[in-house]
Amino acid sequence: MADLQGKKLKQVIDPTLAKAFTHPLRGHIWVTLFERGVVSPTEIANELDLDVSDVSYHFRGLKMRRLIEVVRTVPRRGFDEHFYEPIAPAFEFDDAEWMELPVGIREGFSGEMVRQIIEQLTAAVGSGSFDKRSRHLSQSWLMVDERGWKELMRTMQRTLYRVEAIKQRCAERREVSGERGIPVSVPMAAFETPVD
């Protein structure tokens, strides 16, 4: 095997994240936290019919890597139930980083993200939470040139930055007020459609 020490290797994802998700349950926990906002190991263990100590072990692994944090503790009979929320962004690549990934990896990430978005939309509509509040749902079809494509991608990126800024301001206010958060999913997509 070749000696790779000292060589700069391309990373598919941040090494911290790669180590954090060596077990599939950790990925499940992290995605669930982003979907719901706050979750305890007991809740995940009950949903998956697993031992709480096994699930707690994986929560501790994510906490150790500073991907989640304890936001409250509730005393139960004989133990404290810890509730966590995510403190790191979901997988995010800028355009240049994204295009450097091999096509197969990009397709895998895209397919998984689309699957999760469809699941979330279906669950929200089915539970009634989708139309519980004012909400936005739209779809636009455009015919653009190359310059228009680049302009559209910049607009999507700026929108994402604004969404992230709102997320940060809310986190700061909630830390002071103690207000319970409203879990929100903001899927955004702009993609080239297949030509018949």
C-alpha atoms as a PDB file:
ATOM      1  CA  MET A   1       0.000   0.000   0.000  1.00  0.00           C
ATOM      2  CA  ALA A   2       1.349   3.455  -0.916  1.00  0.00           C
ATOM      3  CA  ASP A   3       2.433   5.811   1.860  1.00  0.00           C
ATOM      4  CA  LEU A   4      -0.145   8.644   1.952  1.00  0.00           C
ATOM      5  CA  GLN A   5       1.353  10.511   4.900  1.00  0.00           C
ATOM      6  CA  GLY A   6       1.891  14.181   4.133  1.00  0.00           C
ATOM      7  CA  LYS A   7      -0.093  14.022   0.892  1.00  0.00           C
ATOM      8  CA  LYS A   8      -3.147  16.256   0.478  1.00  0.00           C
ATOM      9  CA  LEU A   9      -6.053  13.983  -0.361  1.00  0.00           C
ATOM     10  CA  LYS A  10      -9.434  15.064  -1.663  1.00  0.00           C
ATOM     11  CA  GLN A  11     -12.164  14.727   0.918  1.00  0.00           C
ATOM     12  CA  VAL A  12     -15.644  13.583  -0.039  1.00  0.00           C
ATOM     13  CA  ILE A  13     -16.985  15.184   3.126  1.00  0.00           C
ATOM     14  CA  ASP A  14     -15.393  16.837   6.129  1.00  0.00           C
ATOM     15  CA  PRO A  15     -13.361  14.207   8.047  1.00  0.00           C
ATOM     16  CA  THR A  16     -15.244  15.057  11.263  1.00  0.00           C
ATOM     17  CA  LEU A  17     -18.532  14.236   9.561  1.00  0.00           C
ATOM     18  CA  ALA A  18     -17.093  11.116   7.960  1.00  0.00           C
ATOM     19  CA  LYS A  19     -16.031   9.774  11.367  1.00  0.00           C
ATOM     20  CA  ALA A  20     -19.296  10.846  12.957  1.00  0.00           C
ATOM     21  CA  PHE A  21     -21.345   8.765  10.542  1.00  0.00           C
ATOM     22  CA  THR A  22     -19.398   5.509  10.585  1.00  0.00           C
ATOM     23  CA  HIS A  23     -22.531   3.886  12.025  1.00  0.00           C
ATOM     24  CA  PRO A  24     -25.843   4.274  10.121  1.00  0.00           C
ATOM     25  CA  LEU A  25     -27.757   4.963  13.344  1.00  0.00           C
ATOM     26  CA  ARG A  26     -25.800   8.205  13.807  1.00  0.00           C
ATOM     27  CA  GLY A  27     -26.912   9.416  10.399  1.00  0.00           C
ATOM     28  CA  HIS A  28     -30.502   8.513  11.285  1.00  0.00           C
ATOM     29  CA  ILE A  29     -30.230  10.433  14.572  1.00  0.00           C
ATOM     30  CA  TRP A  30     -28.777  13.520  12.897  1.00  0.00           C
ATOM     31  CA  VAL A  31     -31.375  13.637  10.113  1.00  0.00           C
ATOM     32  CA  THR A  32     -34.161  13.080  12.668  1.00  0.00           C
ATOM     33  CA  LEU A  33     -32.854  16.001  14.724  1.00  0.00           C
ATOM     34  CA  PHE A  34     -32.918  18.263  11.667  1.00  0.00           C
ATOM     35  CA  GLU A  35     -36.451  17.105  10.871  1.00  0.00           C
ATOM     36  CA  ARG A  36     -37.862  17.541  14.381  1.00  0.00           C
ATOM     37  CA  GLY A  37     -35.573  20.063  16.033  1.00  0.00           C
ATOM     38  CA  VAL A  38     -35.234  18.323  19.425  1.00  0.00           C
ATOM     39  CA  VAL A  39     -35.067  14.573  20.172  1.00  0.00           C
ATOM     40  CA  SER A  40     -33.991  12.340  23.056  1.00  0.00           C
ATOM     41  CA  PRO A  41     -32.207   8.972  22.824  1.00  0.00           C
ATOM     42  CA  THR A  42     -35.225   7.418  24.549  1.00  0.00           C
ATOM     43  CA  GLU A  43     -37.546   8.586  21.768  1.00  0.00           C
ATOM     44  CA  ILE A  44     -35.285   7.159  19.044  1.00  0.00           C
ATOM     45  CA  ALA A  45     -34.835   3.902  20.987  1.00  0.00           C
ATOM     46  CA  ASN A  46     -38.603   3.504  21.396  1.00  0.00           C
ATOM     47  CA  GLU A  47     -39.292   4.252  17.722  1.00  0.00           C
ATOM     48  CA  LEU A  48     -36.687   1.761  16.488  1.00  0.00           C
ATOM     49  CA  ASP A  49     -37.223  -0.810  19.275  1.00  0.00           C
ATOM     50  CA  LEU A  50     -33.566  -0.553  20.378  1.00  0.00           C
ATOM     51  CA  ASP A  51     -31.859  -0.495  23.762  1.00  0.00           C
ATOM     52  CA  VAL A  52     -31.631   3.084  25.083  1.00  0.00           C
ATOM     53  CA  SER A  53     -28.010   2.618  26.167  1.00  0.00           C
ATOM     54  CA  ASP A  54     -27.003   1.664  22.605  1.00  0.00           C
ATOM     55  CA  VAL A  55     -28.764   4.708  21.157  1.00  0.00           C
ATOM     56  CA  SER A  56     -27.323   6.997  23.867  1.00  0.00           C
ATOM     57  CA  TYR A  57     -23.843   5.832  22.908  1.00  0.00           C
ATOM     58  CA  HIS A  58     -24.351   7.193  19.385  1.00  0.00           C
ATOM     59  CA  PHE A  59     -25.816  10.455  20.696  1.00  0.00           C
ATOM     60  CA  ARG A  60     -22.653  10.861  22.801  1.00  0.00           C
ATOM     61  CA  GLY A  61     -20.521  10.258  19.695  1.00  0.00           C
ATOM     62  CA  LEU A  62     -22.324  13.061  17.835  1.00  0.00           C
ATOM     63  CA  LYS A  63     -22.087  15.338  20.887  1.00  0.00           C
ATOM     64  CA  MET A  64     -18.363  14.651  21.243  1.00  0.00           C
ATOM     65  CA  ARG A  65     -17.882  15.848  17.635  1.00  0.00           C
ATOM     66  CA  ARG A  66     -19.929  18.973  18.379  1.00  0.00           C
ATOM     67  CA  LEU A  67     -22.677  18.095  15.930  1.00  0.00           C
ATOM     68  CA  ILE A  68     -25.432  18.088  18.567  1.00  0.00           C
ATOM     69  CA  GLU A  69     -25.935  19.586  22.025  1.00  0.00           C
ATOM     70  CA  VAL A  70     -28.131  19.001  25.060  1.00  0.00           C
ATOM     71  CA  VAL A  71     -30.868  21.641  25.233  1.00  0.00           C
ATOM     72  CA  ARG A  72     -32.812  20.351  28.213  1.00  0.00           C
ATOM     73  CA  THR A  73     -32.867  17.553  30.767  1.00  0.00           C
ATOM     74  CA  VAL A  74     -36.044  16.030  32.207  1.00  0.00           C
ATOM     75  CA  PRO A  75     -35.853  13.969  35.417  1.00  0.00           C
ATOM     76  CA  ARG A  76     -37.435  10.539  35.026  1.00  0.00           C
ATOM     77  CA  ARG A  77     -37.675   7.629  37.447  1.00  0.00           C
ATOM     78  CA  GLY A  78     -34.066   6.858  38.235  1.00  0.00           C
ATOM     79  CA  PHE A  79     -32.447   8.756  35.328  1.00  0.00           C
ATOM     80  CA  ASP A  80     -32.290  12.078  33.499  1.00  0.00           C
ATOM     81  CA  GLU A  81     -33.644  12.126  29.945  1.00  0.00           C
ATOM     82  CA  HIS A  82     -31.485  14.407  27.799  1.00  0.00           C
ATOM     83  CA  PHE A  83     -32.957  16.184  24.777  1.00  0.00           C
ATOM     84  CA  TYR A  84     -30.656  17.264  21.956  1.00  0.00           C
ATOM     85  CA  GLU A  85     -30.740  19.551  18.954  1.00  0.00           C
ATOM     86  CA  PRO A  86     -28.328  19.798  16.002  1.00  0.00           C
ATOM     87  CA  ILE A  87     -25.649  22.499  16.063  1.00  0.00           C
ATOM     88  CA  ALA A  88     -24.029  21.868  12.677  1.00  0.00           C
ATOM     89  CA  PRO A  89     -25.476  22.562   9.236  1.00  0.00           C
ATOM     90  CA  ALA A  90     -26.695  19.717   7.057  1.00  0.00           C
ATOM     91  CA  PHE A  91     -24.353  18.689   4.248  1.00  0.00           C
ATOM     92  CA  GLU A  92     -23.586  21.821   2.285  1.00  0.00           C
ATOM     93  CA  PHE A  93     -21.140  22.347  -0.536  1.00  0.00           C
ATOM     94  CA  ASP A  94     -20.492  25.488  -2.539  1.00  0.00           C
ATOM     95  CA  ASP A  95     -20.830  25.104  -6.309  1.00  0.00           C
ATOM     96  CA  ALA A  96     -17.112  24.581  -6.933  1.00  0.00           C
ATOM     97  CA  GLU A  97     -16.806  21.923  -4.182  1.00  0.00           C
ATOM     98  CA  TRP A  98     -19.936  20.185  -5.437  1.00  0.00           C
ATOM     99  CA  MET A  99     -18.663  19.943  -9.010  1.00  0.00           C
ATOM    100  CA  GLU A 100     -15.362  18.471  -7.767  1.00  0.00           C
ATOM    101  CA  LEU A 101     -17.188  15.469  -6.306  1.00  0.00           C
ATOM    102  CA  PRO A 102     -17.418  12.411  -8.570  1.00  0.00           C
ATOM    103  CA  VAL A 103     -20.729  12.191 -10.462  1.00  0.00           C
ATOM    104  CA  GLY A 104     -21.728   8.994  -8.632  1.00  0.00           C
ATOM    105  CA  ILE A 105     -21.338  10.667  -5.238  1.00  0.00           C
ATOM    106  CA  ARG A 106     -23.275  13.741  -6.387  1.00  0.00           C
ATOM    107  CA  GLU A 107     -26.072  11.526  -7.672  1.00  0.00           C
ATOM    108  CA  GLY A 108     -26.120   9.587  -4.399  1.00  0.00           C
ATOM    109  CA  PHE A 109     -26.358  12.758  -2.286  1.00  0.00           C
ATOM    110  CA  SER A 110     -29.013  14.224  -4.580  1.00  0.00           C
ATOM    111  CA  GLY A 111     -31.077  11.038  -4.599  1.00  0.00           C
ATOM    112  CA  GLU A 112     -30.986  10.769  -0.799  1.00  0.00           C
ATOM    113  CA  MET A 113     -31.888  14.431  -0.326  1.00  0.00           C
ATOM    114  CA  VAL A 114     -34.823  14.190  -2.760  1.00  0.00           C
ATOM    115  CA  ARG A 115     -36.019  11.022  -0.983  1.00  0.00           C
ATOM    116  CA  GLN A 116     -35.917  12.805   2.387  1.00  0.00           C
ATOM    117  CA  ILE A 117     -37.733  15.863   1.023  1.00  0.00           C
ATOM    118  CA  ILE A 118     -40.502  13.676  -0.425  1.00  0.00           C
ATOM    119  CA  GLU A 119     -40.820  11.814   2.899  1.00  0.00           C
ATOM    120  CA  GLN A 120     -41.017  15.101   4.832  1.00  0.00           C
ATOM    121  CA  LEU A 121     -43.595  16.587   2.465  1.00  0.00           C
ATOM    122  CA  THR A 122     -45.719  13.431   2.582  1.00  0.00           C
ATOM    123  CA  ALA A 123     -45.540  13.291   6.386  1.00  0.00           C
ATOM    124  CA  ALA A 124     -46.357  17.008   6.750  1.00  0.00           C
ATOM    125  CA  VAL A 125     -49.385  16.783   4.426  1.00  0.00           C
ATOM    126  CA  GLY A 126     -50.546  13.554   6.094  1.00  0.00           C
ATOM    127  CA  SER A 127     -50.258  14.963   9.625  1.00  0.00           C
ATOM    128  CA  GLY A 128     -51.898  18.282   8.783  1.00  0.00           C
ATOM    129  CA  SER A 129     -48.830  20.309   9.762  1.00  0.00           C
ATOM    130  CA  PHE A 130     -48.236  21.384   6.158  1.00  0.00           C
ATOM    131  CA  ASP A 131     -51.294  23.647   6.124  1.00  0.00           C
ATOM    132  CA  LYS A 132     -51.380  24.373   9.869  1.00  0.00           C
ATOM    133  CA  ARG A 133     -49.787  27.801   9.345  1.00  0.00           C
ATOM    134  CA  SER A 134     -49.296  30.128   6.440  1.00  0.00           C
ATOM    135  CA  ARG A 135     -46.815  28.396   4.152  1.00  0.00           C
ATOM    136  CA  HIS A 136     -45.210  28.768   0.757  1.00  0.00           C
ATOM    137  CA  LEU A 137     -45.478  26.240  -2.061  1.00  0.00           C
ATOM    138  CA  SER A 138     -44.737  27.105  -5.650  1.00  0.00           C
ATOM    139  CA  GLN A 139     -43.178  25.743  -8.788  1.00  0.00           C
ATOM    140  CA  SER A 140     -41.910  27.753 -11.732  1.00  0.00           C
ATOM    141  CA  TRP A 141     -40.878  26.572 -15.181  1.00  0.00           C
ATOM    142  CA  LEU A 142     -38.307  28.712 -16.960  1.00  0.00           C
ATOM    143  CA  MET A 143     -36.392  28.640 -20.228  1.00  0.00           C
ATOM    144  CA  VAL A 144     -33.021  30.263 -19.572  1.00  0.00           C
ATOM    145  CA  ASP A 145     -29.756  30.814 -21.404  1.00  0.00           C
ATOM    146  CA  GLU A 146     -26.325  30.115 -19.826  1.00  0.00           C
ATOM    147  CA  ARG A 147     -26.171  33.612 -18.354  1.00  0.00           C
ATOM    148  CA  GLY A 148     -29.666  33.192 -16.913  1.00  0.00           C
ATOM    149  CA  TRP A 149     -28.668  29.803 -15.423  1.00  0.00           C
ATOM    150  CA  LYS A 150     -25.754  31.420 -13.564  1.00  0.00           C
ATOM    151  CA  GLU A 151     -27.988  34.249 -12.378  1.00  0.00           C
ATOM    152  CA  LEU A 152     -30.565  31.758 -11.112  1.00  0.00           C
ATOM    153  CA  MET A 153     -27.895  29.778  -9.216  1.00  0.00           C
ATOM    154  CA  ARG A 154     -26.618  32.994  -7.564  1.00  0.00           C
ATOM    155  CA  THR A 155     -30.195  33.858  -6.556  1.00  0.00           C
ATOM    156  CA  MET A 156     -30.671  30.405  -5.009  1.00  0.00           C
ATOM    157  CA  GLN A 157     -27.395  30.781  -3.074  1.00  0.00           C
ATOM    158  CA  ARG A 158     -28.345  34.238  -1.781  1.00  0.00           C
ATOM    159  CA  THR A 159     -31.716  32.874  -0.680  1.00  0.00           C
ATOM    160  CA  LEU A 160     -29.979  30.048   1.187  1.00  0.00           C
ATOM    161  CA  TYR A 161     -27.715  32.578   2.957  1.00  0.00           C
ATOM    162  CA  ARG A 162     -30.775  34.558   4.024  1.00  0.00           C
ATOM    163  CA  VAL A 163     -32.496  31.403   5.323  1.00  0.00           C
ATOM    164  CA  GLU A 164     -29.356  30.520   7.308  1.00  0.00           C
ATOM    165  CA  ALA A 165     -29.240  34.067   8.748  1.00  0.00           C
ATOM    166  CA  ILE A 166     -32.862  33.726   9.904  1.00  0.00           C
ATOM    167  CA  LYS A 167     -31.970  30.363  11.494  1.00  0.00           C
ATOM    168  CA  GLN A 168     -29.072  31.964  13.394  1.00  0.00           C
ATOM    169  CA  ARG A 169     -31.140  34.929  14.619  1.00  0.00           C
ATOM    170  CA  CYS A 170     -33.887  32.557  15.807  1.00  0.00           C
ATOM    171  CA  ALA A 171     -31.366  30.414  17.688  1.00  0.00           C
ATOM    172  CA  GLU A 172     -30.002  33.511  19.452  1.00  0.00           C
ATOM    173  CA  ARG A 173     -33.483  34.744  20.413  1.00  0.00           C
ATOM    174  CA  ARG A 174     -34.586  31.280  21.594  1.00  0.00           C
ATOM    175  CA  GLU A 175     -31.501  30.979  23.772  1.00  0.00           C
ATOM    176  CA  VAL A 176     -32.556  34.152  25.605  1.00  0.00           C
ATOM    177  CA  SER A 177     -36.329  33.588  25.635  1.00  0.00           C
ATOM    178  CA  GLY A 178     -36.435  29.821  26.110  1.00  0.00           C
ATOM    179  CA  GLU A 179     -39.188  29.725  23.487  1.00  0.00           C
ATOM    180  CA  ARG A 180     -39.761  26.310  21.946  1.00  0.00           C
ATOM    181  CA  GLY A 181     -38.827  26.272  18.274  1.00  0.00           C
ATOM    182  CA  ILE A 182     -41.059  25.536  15.307  1.00  0.00           C
ATOM    183  CA  PRO A 183     -39.418  22.814  13.178  1.00  0.00           C
ATOM    184  CA  VAL A 184     -39.413  24.000   9.558  1.00  0.00           C
ATOM    185  CA  SER A 185     -38.164  22.348   6.380  1.00  0.00           C
ATOM    186  CA  VAL A 186     -37.093  24.684   3.560  1.00  0.00           C
ATOM    187  CA  PRO A 187     -36.355  22.578   0.477  1.00  0.00           C
ATOM    188  CA  MET A 188     -35.027  24.619  -2.432  1.00  0.00           C
ATOM    189  CA  ALA A 189     -34.265  23.263  -5.854  1.00  0.00           C
ATOM    190  CA  ALA A 190     -33.496  24.593  -9.298  1.00  0.00           C
ATOM    191  CA  PHE A 191     -32.472  21.952 -11.809  1.00  0.00           C
ATOM    192  CA  GLU A 192     -32.389  21.261 -15.502  1.00  0.00           C
ATOM    193  CA  THR A 193     -35.418  19.223 -16.508  1.00  0.00           C
ATOM    194  CA  PRO A 194     -35.120  16.334 -18.966  1.00  0.00           C
ATOM    195  CA  VAL A 195     -35.859  17.087 -22.596  1.00  0.00           C
ATOM    196  CA  ASP A 196     -38.432  14.812 -24.262  1.00  0.00           C
END
